[in-house]
Amino acid sequence: MLSQKDKEEKQLSTTINNFFKTFKIGDILKQCNFYKDKGFPPLSVLKFLFTLVFSAKNLYRYLQSKTTENPFGKDVVYRFLNSTSFNWLKFLFLLSQKVIKTHLYSLTSDDRENVLIVDDSFYSRERSKSVELLARVKDHADNGRYKKGFRMLTLGWSDGNTFIPLNFTLLSSANKKNRLCPANESIDKRSNGYKRRASSLLKMTDAMLELIKQAVKYKVPANMFFLIAGLPTHQYFAKSCSLTCILLLW
């Protein structure tokens, strides 16, 4: 007889398998340069990480545990997470686009506007000492104080009822004096990992515009985007992409 915990884990596994099958995650991974060098296929590792997140389990403790049967060694998981060849930016956009177009877009009335929304938040790493491109950045929610961490730009889609995160960028500081840790110089400059590191050094407005242009490139269904009042370059955004710019009073 199965315990309640076993039933919940079995139900979670079934739900995640159905999600991966419905949205053809394997096909999306192939489009985004997810290929195995050796050992386990990326799809299996990603499904394992999904299961950990939704079962509220800590990755490090789970891998170190001697009471659980771990399907992978820690080297497999960390090699997957640290790969510089995987295009996570494209993966998140393609998956979000498929969710919106197949499950949400048809439910939205023609009278409603589909919009892109950009959120700028502080991502704290106060205790970190050796994180790549760690910097002192301004926290606008704390009277503009400079703190150790990153600025996290999140781009999302909304139809007025539902909000779907599309992608994000962790920004270091464009000012080299504010950076506490350098980037890994051994990374191939042609790789996706290097490109993500380079994008983290962009100014906030340039990084925001790049996210919006990527959403247009991957045909996320939206015809306007929202900007917070006080950004000095909102006219620049309006001229730089094909969407209508709406200035929000904040």
C-alpha atoms as a PDB file:
ATOM      1  CA  MET A   1       0.000   0.000   0.000  1.00  0.00           C
ATOM      2  CA  LEU A   2       1.339   3.404  -1.036  1.00  0.00           C
ATOM      3  CA  SER A   3       1.815   6.063   1.601  1.00  0.00           C
ATOM      4  CA  GLN A   4       0.429   9.567   1.145  1.00  0.00           C
ATOM      5  CA  LYS A   5       3.919  10.837   0.330  1.00  0.00           C
ATOM      6  CA  ASP A   6       4.397   8.168  -2.359  1.00  0.00           C
ATOM      7  CA  LYS A   7       1.026   9.035  -3.900  1.00  0.00           C
ATOM      8  CA  GLU A   8       1.911  12.729  -4.017  1.00  0.00           C
ATOM      9  CA  GLU A   9       5.295  12.017  -5.629  1.00  0.00           C
ATOM     10  CA  LYS A  10       3.671   9.728  -8.200  1.00  0.00           C
ATOM     11  CA  GLN A  11       1.041  12.361  -9.018  1.00  0.00           C
ATOM     12  CA  LEU A  12       3.739  15.042  -9.359  1.00  0.00           C
ATOM     13  CA  SER A  13       5.779  12.816 -11.663  1.00  0.00           C
ATOM     14  CA  THR A  14       2.708  12.189 -13.843  1.00  0.00           C
ATOM     15  CA  THR A  15       1.917  15.929 -14.013  1.00  0.00           C
ATOM     16  CA  ILE A  16       5.478  16.844 -15.025  1.00  0.00           C
ATOM     17  CA  ASN A  17       5.602  14.072 -17.655  1.00  0.00           C
ATOM     18  CA  ASN A  18       2.319  15.336 -19.138  1.00  0.00           C
ATOM     19  CA  PHE A  19       3.655  18.914 -19.196  1.00  0.00           C
ATOM     20  CA  PHE A  20       6.850  17.859 -20.991  1.00  0.00           C
ATOM     21  CA  LYS A  21       4.849  15.812 -23.488  1.00  0.00           C
ATOM     22  CA  THR A  22       2.158  18.462 -24.121  1.00  0.00           C
ATOM     23  CA  PHE A  23       4.636  21.254 -24.824  1.00  0.00           C
ATOM     24  CA  LYS A  24       7.202  19.014 -26.556  1.00  0.00           C
ATOM     25  CA  ILE A  25      10.041  20.112 -24.316  1.00  0.00           C
ATOM     26  CA  GLY A  26      12.434  17.683 -25.994  1.00  0.00           C
ATOM     27  CA  ASP A  27      11.949  19.376 -29.390  1.00  0.00           C
ATOM     28  CA  ILE A  28      12.434  22.824 -27.853  1.00  0.00           C
ATOM     29  CA  LEU A  29      15.671  21.698 -26.188  1.00  0.00           C
ATOM     30  CA  LYS A  30      17.051  20.529 -29.541  1.00  0.00           C
ATOM     31  CA  GLN A  31      16.251  23.910 -31.098  1.00  0.00           C
ATOM     32  CA  CYS A  32      18.211  25.587 -28.295  1.00  0.00           C
ATOM     33  CA  ASN A  33      21.426  23.581 -28.654  1.00  0.00           C
ATOM     34  CA  PHE A  34      20.781  21.232 -25.716  1.00  0.00           C
ATOM     35  CA  TYR A  35      22.818  18.161 -26.594  1.00  0.00           C
ATOM     36  CA  LYS A  36      24.595  15.707 -24.341  1.00  0.00           C
ATOM     37  CA  ASP A  37      28.367  15.367 -24.421  1.00  0.00           C
ATOM     38  CA  LYS A  38      28.204  12.095 -22.525  1.00  0.00           C
ATOM     39  CA  GLY A  39      26.017  10.241 -20.056  1.00  0.00           C
ATOM     40  CA  PHE A  40      22.385  11.256 -19.616  1.00  0.00           C
ATOM     41  CA  PRO A  41      20.304  13.245 -22.151  1.00  0.00           C
ATOM     42  CA  PRO A  42      19.485  16.879 -21.210  1.00  0.00           C
ATOM     43  CA  LEU A  43      15.747  16.125 -21.173  1.00  0.00           C
ATOM     44  CA  SER A  44      16.163  13.642 -18.304  1.00  0.00           C
ATOM     45  CA  VAL A  45      18.295  16.042 -16.262  1.00  0.00           C
ATOM     46  CA  LEU A  46      15.865  18.935 -16.800  1.00  0.00           C
ATOM     47  CA  LYS A  47      12.914  16.762 -15.782  1.00  0.00           C
ATOM     48  CA  PHE A  48      14.791  15.756 -12.629  1.00  0.00           C
ATOM     49  CA  LEU A  49      15.399  19.441 -11.752  1.00  0.00           C
ATOM     50  CA  PHE A  50      11.734  20.268 -12.418  1.00  0.00           C
ATOM     51  CA  THR A  51      10.694  17.550 -10.002  1.00  0.00           C
ATOM     52  CA  LEU A  52      13.010  18.887  -7.288  1.00  0.00           C
ATOM     53  CA  VAL A  53      11.629  22.422  -7.609  1.00  0.00           C
ATOM     54  CA  PHE A  54       7.981  21.421  -7.384  1.00  0.00           C
ATOM     55  CA  SER A  55       8.614  18.991  -4.546  1.00  0.00           C
ATOM     56  CA  ALA A  56      10.421  21.755  -2.584  1.00  0.00           C
ATOM     57  CA  LYS A  57      13.658  19.762  -2.299  1.00  0.00           C
ATOM     58  CA  ASN A  58      17.118  21.320  -2.045  1.00  0.00           C
ATOM     59  CA  LEU A  59      19.414  20.201  -4.864  1.00  0.00           C
ATOM     60  CA  TYR A  60      22.617  20.067  -2.812  1.00  0.00           C
ATOM     61  CA  ARG A  61      21.058  18.213   0.120  1.00  0.00           C
ATOM     62  CA  TYR A  62      19.250  15.800  -2.180  1.00  0.00           C
ATOM     63  CA  LEU A  63      22.463  14.902  -4.014  1.00  0.00           C
ATOM     64  CA  GLN A  64      24.347  14.491  -0.715  1.00  0.00           C
ATOM     65  CA  SER A  65      21.620  12.366   0.869  1.00  0.00           C
ATOM     66  CA  LYS A  66      22.463   8.695   1.411  1.00  0.00           C
ATOM     67  CA  THR A  67      18.851   7.683   2.020  1.00  0.00           C
ATOM     68  CA  THR A  68      17.595   8.509  -1.487  1.00  0.00           C
ATOM     69  CA  GLU A  69      18.338   6.807  -4.778  1.00  0.00           C
ATOM     70  CA  ASN A  70      19.828   9.611  -6.875  1.00  0.00           C
ATOM     71  CA  PRO A  71      19.399   9.048 -10.610  1.00  0.00           C
ATOM     72  CA  PHE A  72      22.424  11.256 -11.357  1.00  0.00           C
ATOM     73  CA  GLY A  73      25.704  12.119  -9.766  1.00  0.00           C
ATOM     74  CA  LYS A  74      26.282  15.740  -8.817  1.00  0.00           C
ATOM     75  CA  ASP A  75      28.768  16.152 -11.681  1.00  0.00           C
ATOM     76  CA  VAL A  76      26.011  15.422 -14.217  1.00  0.00           C
ATOM     77  CA  VAL A  77      23.706  18.057 -12.746  1.00  0.00           C
ATOM     78  CA  TYR A  78      26.358  20.759 -12.338  1.00  0.00           C
ATOM     79  CA  ARG A  79      27.717  20.109 -15.842  1.00  0.00           C
ATOM     80  CA  PHE A  80      24.191  20.597 -17.179  1.00  0.00           C
ATOM     81  CA  LEU A  81      23.612  23.825 -15.204  1.00  0.00           C
ATOM     82  CA  ASN A  82      27.027  25.293 -16.046  1.00  0.00           C
ATOM     83  CA  SER A  83      27.098  24.466 -19.744  1.00  0.00           C
ATOM     84  CA  THR A  84      27.959  27.506 -21.887  1.00  0.00           C
ATOM     85  CA  SER A  85      26.547  25.978 -25.077  1.00  0.00           C
ATOM     86  CA  PHE A  86      22.880  25.794 -23.987  1.00  0.00           C
ATOM     87  CA  ASN A  87      20.741  28.719 -25.153  1.00  0.00           C
ATOM     88  CA  TRP A  88      18.520  29.280 -22.119  1.00  0.00           C
ATOM     89  CA  LEU A  89      17.331  32.642 -23.438  1.00  0.00           C
ATOM     90  CA  LYS A  90      15.844  31.039 -26.544  1.00  0.00           C
ATOM     91  CA  PHE A  91      14.471  28.085 -24.559  1.00  0.00           C
ATOM     92  CA  LEU A  92      12.479  30.305 -22.179  1.00  0.00           C
ATOM     93  CA  PHE A  93      11.081  32.393 -25.026  1.00  0.00           C
ATOM     94  CA  LEU A  94      10.026  29.368 -27.107  1.00  0.00           C
ATOM     95  CA  LEU A  95       8.407  27.622 -24.144  1.00  0.00           C
ATOM     96  CA  SER A  96       6.551  30.765 -23.013  1.00  0.00           C
ATOM     97  CA  GLN A  97       5.397  31.439 -26.560  1.00  0.00           C
ATOM     98  CA  LYS A  98       4.029  27.898 -26.898  1.00  0.00           C
ATOM     99  CA  VAL A  99       2.152  28.147 -23.570  1.00  0.00           C
ATOM    100  CA  ILE A 100       0.629  31.503 -24.564  1.00  0.00           C
ATOM    101  CA  LYS A 101      -0.346  30.544 -28.113  1.00  0.00           C
ATOM    102  CA  THR A 102      -1.725  27.075 -27.369  1.00  0.00           C
ATOM    103  CA  HIS A 103      -3.463  27.677 -24.024  1.00  0.00           C
ATOM    104  CA  LEU A 104      -4.027  31.380 -23.371  1.00  0.00           C
ATOM    105  CA  TYR A 105      -4.263  33.402 -26.575  1.00  0.00           C
ATOM    106  CA  SER A 106      -7.510  31.786 -27.736  1.00  0.00           C
ATOM    107  CA  LEU A 107      -9.137  32.629 -24.394  1.00  0.00           C
ATOM    108  CA  THR A 108      -8.420  36.350 -24.750  1.00  0.00           C
ATOM    109  CA  SER A 109     -11.109  38.571 -26.222  1.00  0.00           C
ATOM    110  CA  ASP A 110     -10.273  40.584 -29.337  1.00  0.00           C
ATOM    111  CA  ASP A 111     -11.147  43.699 -27.354  1.00  0.00           C
ATOM    112  CA  ARG A 112      -8.306  43.089 -24.911  1.00  0.00           C
ATOM    113  CA  GLU A 113      -4.739  44.238 -25.470  1.00  0.00           C
ATOM    114  CA  ASN A 114      -1.893  41.766 -25.028  1.00  0.00           C
ATOM    115  CA  VAL A 115       1.055  43.541 -23.467  1.00  0.00           C
ATOM    116  CA  LEU A 116       4.671  43.076 -22.426  1.00  0.00           C
ATOM    117  CA  ILE A 117       5.635  44.246 -18.938  1.00  0.00           C
ATOM    118  CA  VAL A 118       9.160  44.861 -17.675  1.00  0.00           C
ATOM    119  CA  ASP A 119       9.972  44.565 -13.979  1.00  0.00           C
ATOM    120  CA  ASP A 120      13.235  45.823 -12.469  1.00  0.00           C
ATOM    121  CA  SER A 121      14.127  44.262  -9.098  1.00  0.00           C
ATOM    122  CA  PHE A 122      17.205  43.911  -6.904  1.00  0.00           C
ATOM    123  CA  TYR A 123      18.624  40.373  -6.615  1.00  0.00           C
ATOM    124  CA  SER A 124      20.579  40.191  -3.375  1.00  0.00           C
ATOM    125  CA  ARG A 125      23.839  38.232  -2.967  1.00  0.00           C
ATOM    126  CA  GLU A 126      25.080  39.893   0.215  1.00  0.00           C
ATOM    127  CA  ARG A 127      26.881  36.778   1.492  1.00  0.00           C
ATOM    128  CA  SER A 128      28.527  35.861  -1.798  1.00  0.00           C
ATOM    129  CA  LYS A 129      32.247  36.390  -2.351  1.00  0.00           C
ATOM    130  CA  SER A 130      33.210  34.688  -5.605  1.00  0.00           C
ATOM    131  CA  VAL A 131      30.182  34.891  -7.916  1.00  0.00           C
ATOM    132  CA  GLU A 132      31.049  35.861 -11.489  1.00  0.00           C
ATOM    133  CA  LEU A 133      30.392  39.569 -12.193  1.00  0.00           C
ATOM    134  CA  LEU A 134      29.085  40.161  -8.672  1.00  0.00           C
ATOM    135  CA  ALA A 135      28.778  43.940  -8.216  1.00  0.00           C
ATOM    136  CA  ARG A 136      27.476  46.718  -6.048  1.00  0.00           C
ATOM    137  CA  VAL A 137      24.253  47.853  -7.712  1.00  0.00           C
ATOM    138  CA  LYS A 138      21.594  50.364  -6.799  1.00  0.00           C
ATOM    139  CA  ASP A 139      18.487  49.079  -5.027  1.00  0.00           C
ATOM    140  CA  HIS A 140      15.754  51.553  -6.042  1.00  0.00           C
ATOM    141  CA  ALA A 141      13.383  50.015  -3.478  1.00  0.00           C
ATOM    142  CA  ASP A 142      15.765  50.913  -0.630  1.00  0.00           C
ATOM    143  CA  ASN A 143      16.299  54.625  -1.251  1.00  0.00           C
ATOM    144  CA  GLY A 144      18.855  53.969  -3.979  1.00  0.00           C
ATOM    145  CA  ARG A 145      21.422  52.306  -1.702  1.00  0.00           C
ATOM    146  CA  TYR A 146      24.187  50.267  -3.302  1.00  0.00           C
ATOM    147  CA  LYS A 147      24.231  46.588  -2.315  1.00  0.00           C
ATOM    148  CA  LYS A 148      26.024  43.398  -3.326  1.00  0.00           C
ATOM    149  CA  GLY A 149      24.054  41.537  -5.976  1.00  0.00           C
ATOM    150  CA  PHE A 150      22.505  42.088  -9.376  1.00  0.00           C
ATOM    151  CA  ARG A 151      19.656  43.994 -10.950  1.00  0.00           C
ATOM    152  CA  MET A 152      17.142  41.512 -12.326  1.00  0.00           C
ATOM    153  CA  LEU A 153      15.120  42.586 -15.346  1.00  0.00           C
ATOM    154  CA  THR A 154      12.112  40.346 -15.890  1.00  0.00           C
ATOM    155  CA  LEU A 155      10.051  40.504 -19.068  1.00  0.00           C
ATOM    156  CA  GLY A 156       6.499  39.175 -18.859  1.00  0.00           C
ATOM    157  CA  TRP A 157       3.363  38.852 -20.983  1.00  0.00           C
ATOM    158  CA  SER A 158      -0.153  39.693 -19.825  1.00  0.00           C
ATOM    159  CA  ASP A 159      -3.662  39.757 -21.255  1.00  0.00           C
ATOM    160  CA  GLY A 160      -5.019  41.666 -18.270  1.00  0.00           C
ATOM    161  CA  ASN A 161      -5.888  38.512 -16.291  1.00  0.00           C
ATOM    162  CA  THR A 162      -2.824  36.291 -16.588  1.00  0.00           C
ATOM    163  CA  PHE A 163       0.850  37.108 -16.223  1.00  0.00           C
ATOM    164  CA  ILE A 164       3.433  34.809 -17.820  1.00  0.00           C
ATOM    165  CA  PRO A 165       7.167  35.443 -17.249  1.00  0.00           C
ATOM    166  CA  LEU A 166       8.965  35.317 -20.597  1.00  0.00           C
ATOM    167  CA  ASN A 167      12.599  35.842 -19.699  1.00  0.00           C
ATOM    168  CA  PHE A 168      15.016  37.644 -17.440  1.00  0.00           C
ATOM    169  CA  THR A 169      18.489  39.194 -17.379  1.00  0.00           C
ATOM    170  CA  LEU A 170      20.745  39.539 -14.351  1.00  0.00           C
ATOM    171  CA  LEU A 171      22.630  42.804 -14.715  1.00  0.00           C
ATOM    172  CA  SER A 172      26.001  43.428 -13.148  1.00  0.00           C
ATOM    173  CA  SER A 173      27.383  46.970 -13.300  1.00  0.00           C
ATOM    174  CA  ALA A 174      28.398  48.739 -16.496  1.00  0.00           C
ATOM    175  CA  ASN A 175      30.920  50.583 -14.320  1.00  0.00           C
ATOM    176  CA  LYS A 176      33.974  48.358 -13.880  1.00  0.00           C
ATOM    177  CA  LYS A 177      34.798  50.001 -10.541  1.00  0.00           C
ATOM    178  CA  ASN A 178      31.575  48.618  -9.033  1.00  0.00           C
ATOM    179  CA  ARG A 179      32.273  45.005 -10.044  1.00  0.00           C
ATOM    180  CA  LEU A 180      33.592  42.843  -7.231  1.00  0.00           C
ATOM    181  CA  CYS A 181      34.346  39.682  -9.232  1.00  0.00           C
ATOM    182  CA  PRO A 182      35.514  39.272 -12.844  1.00  0.00           C
ATOM    183  CA  ALA A 183      33.990  37.034 -15.492  1.00  0.00           C
ATOM    184  CA  ASN A 184      35.537  33.692 -16.395  1.00  0.00           C
ATOM    185  CA  GLU A 185      37.985  34.598 -19.164  1.00  0.00           C
ATOM    186  CA  SER A 186      38.432  30.996 -20.301  1.00  0.00           C
ATOM    187  CA  ILE A 187      34.898  30.797 -21.767  1.00  0.00           C
ATOM    188  CA  ASP A 188      34.686  30.571 -25.560  1.00  0.00           C
ATOM    189  CA  LYS A 189      33.575  33.971 -26.871  1.00  0.00           C
ATOM    190  CA  ARG A 190      31.414  32.246 -29.498  1.00  0.00           C
ATOM    191  CA  SER A 191      29.333  30.418 -26.888  1.00  0.00           C
ATOM    192  CA  ASN A 192      25.902  31.311 -25.524  1.00  0.00           C
ATOM    193  CA  GLY A 193      27.378  31.480 -22.033  1.00  0.00           C
ATOM    194  CA  TYR A 194      29.770  34.247 -23.051  1.00  0.00           C
ATOM    195  CA  LYS A 195      26.960  36.173 -24.750  1.00  0.00           C
ATOM    196  CA  ARG A 196      24.884  36.065 -21.557  1.00  0.00           C
ATOM    197  CA  ARG A 197      27.819  37.371 -19.562  1.00  0.00           C
ATOM    198  CA  ALA A 198      28.336  40.173 -22.069  1.00  0.00           C
ATOM    199  CA  SER A 199      24.638  41.110 -21.885  1.00  0.00           C
ATOM    200  CA  SER A 200      24.890  41.385 -18.096  1.00  0.00           C
ATOM    201  CA  LEU A 201      27.254  44.333 -18.573  1.00  0.00           C
ATOM    202  CA  LEU A 202      24.772  46.341 -20.641  1.00  0.00           C
ATOM    203  CA  LYS A 203      23.075  49.439 -19.313  1.00  0.00           C
ATOM    204  CA  MET A 204      19.580  48.743 -18.008  1.00  0.00           C
ATOM    205  CA  THR A 205      17.841  50.522 -20.900  1.00  0.00           C
ATOM    206  CA  ASP A 206      19.870  48.615 -23.510  1.00  0.00           C
ATOM    207  CA  ALA A 207      19.242  45.285 -21.769  1.00  0.00           C
ATOM    208  CA  MET A 208      15.521  46.045 -21.538  1.00  0.00           C
ATOM    209  CA  LEU A 209      15.329  46.899 -25.217  1.00  0.00           C
ATOM    210  CA  GLU A 210      17.173  43.695 -26.118  1.00  0.00           C
ATOM    211  CA  LEU A 211      14.634  41.604 -24.171  1.00  0.00           C
ATOM    212  CA  ILE A 212      11.737  43.322 -25.942  1.00  0.00           C
ATOM    213  CA  LYS A 213      13.338  42.845 -29.374  1.00  0.00           C
ATOM    214  CA  GLN A 214      13.828  39.138 -28.599  1.00  0.00           C
ATOM    215  CA  ALA A 215      10.135  38.837 -27.697  1.00  0.00           C
ATOM    216  CA  VAL A 216       9.237  40.382 -31.068  1.00  0.00           C
ATOM    217  CA  LYS A 217      11.713  38.075 -32.832  1.00  0.00           C
ATOM    218  CA  TYR A 218      10.138  34.961 -31.286  1.00  0.00           C
ATOM    219  CA  LYS A 219       6.649  36.249 -32.160  1.00  0.00           C
ATOM    220  CA  VAL A 220       5.216  36.563 -28.678  1.00  0.00           C
ATOM    221  CA  PRO A 221       1.668  37.897 -29.344  1.00  0.00           C
ATOM    222  CA  ALA A 222       1.674  41.455 -27.968  1.00  0.00           C
ATOM    223  CA  ASN A 223       1.112  44.888 -29.482  1.00  0.00           C
ATOM    224  CA  MET A 224       2.314  47.191 -26.700  1.00  0.00           C
ATOM    225  CA  PHE A 225       4.608  47.284 -23.700  1.00  0.00           C
ATOM    226  CA  PHE A 226       4.547  49.126 -20.403  1.00  0.00           C
ATOM    227  CA  LEU A 227       7.334  51.300 -19.029  1.00  0.00           C
ATOM    228  CA  ILE A 228       7.494  52.897 -15.603  1.00  0.00           C
ATOM    229  CA  ALA A 229       7.312  56.689 -15.461  1.00  0.00           C
ATOM    230  CA  GLY A 230      10.681  58.234 -14.678  1.00  0.00           C
ATOM    231  CA  LEU A 231      12.732  56.304 -17.233  1.00  0.00           C
ATOM    232  CA  PRO A 232      14.442  59.060 -19.245  1.00  0.00           C
ATOM    233  CA  THR A 233      14.544  57.074 -22.481  1.00  0.00           C
ATOM    234  CA  HIS A 234      10.948  55.942 -22.965  1.00  0.00           C
ATOM    235  CA  GLN A 235      10.796  57.904 -26.258  1.00  0.00           C
ATOM    236  CA  TYR A 236      13.855  55.931 -27.390  1.00  0.00           C
ATOM    237  CA  PHE A 237      12.038  52.638 -26.705  1.00  0.00           C
ATOM    238  CA  ALA A 238       9.017  53.767 -28.676  1.00  0.00           C
ATOM    239  CA  LYS A 239      11.205  54.487 -31.728  1.00  0.00           C
ATOM    240  CA  SER A 240      13.343  51.362 -31.422  1.00  0.00           C
ATOM    241  CA  CYS A 241      10.771  48.576 -31.715  1.00  0.00           C
ATOM    242  CA  SER A 242       7.461  47.892 -33.411  1.00  0.00           C
ATOM    243  CA  LEU A 243       5.324  47.949 -30.249  1.00  0.00           C
ATOM    244  CA  THR A 244       3.319  50.835 -28.816  1.00  0.00           C
ATOM    245  CA  CYS A 245       4.980  52.290 -25.721  1.00  0.00           C
ATOM    246  CA  ILE A 246       2.746  53.050 -22.715  1.00  0.00           C
ATOM    247  CA  LEU A 247       4.216  55.125 -19.877  1.00  0.00           C
ATOM    248  CA  LEU A 248       2.934  54.010 -16.469  1.00  0.00           C
ATOM    249  CA  LEU A 249       2.593  56.414 -13.538  1.00  0.00           C
ATOM    250  CA  TRP A 250       4.398  54.785 -10.630  1.00  0.00           C
END
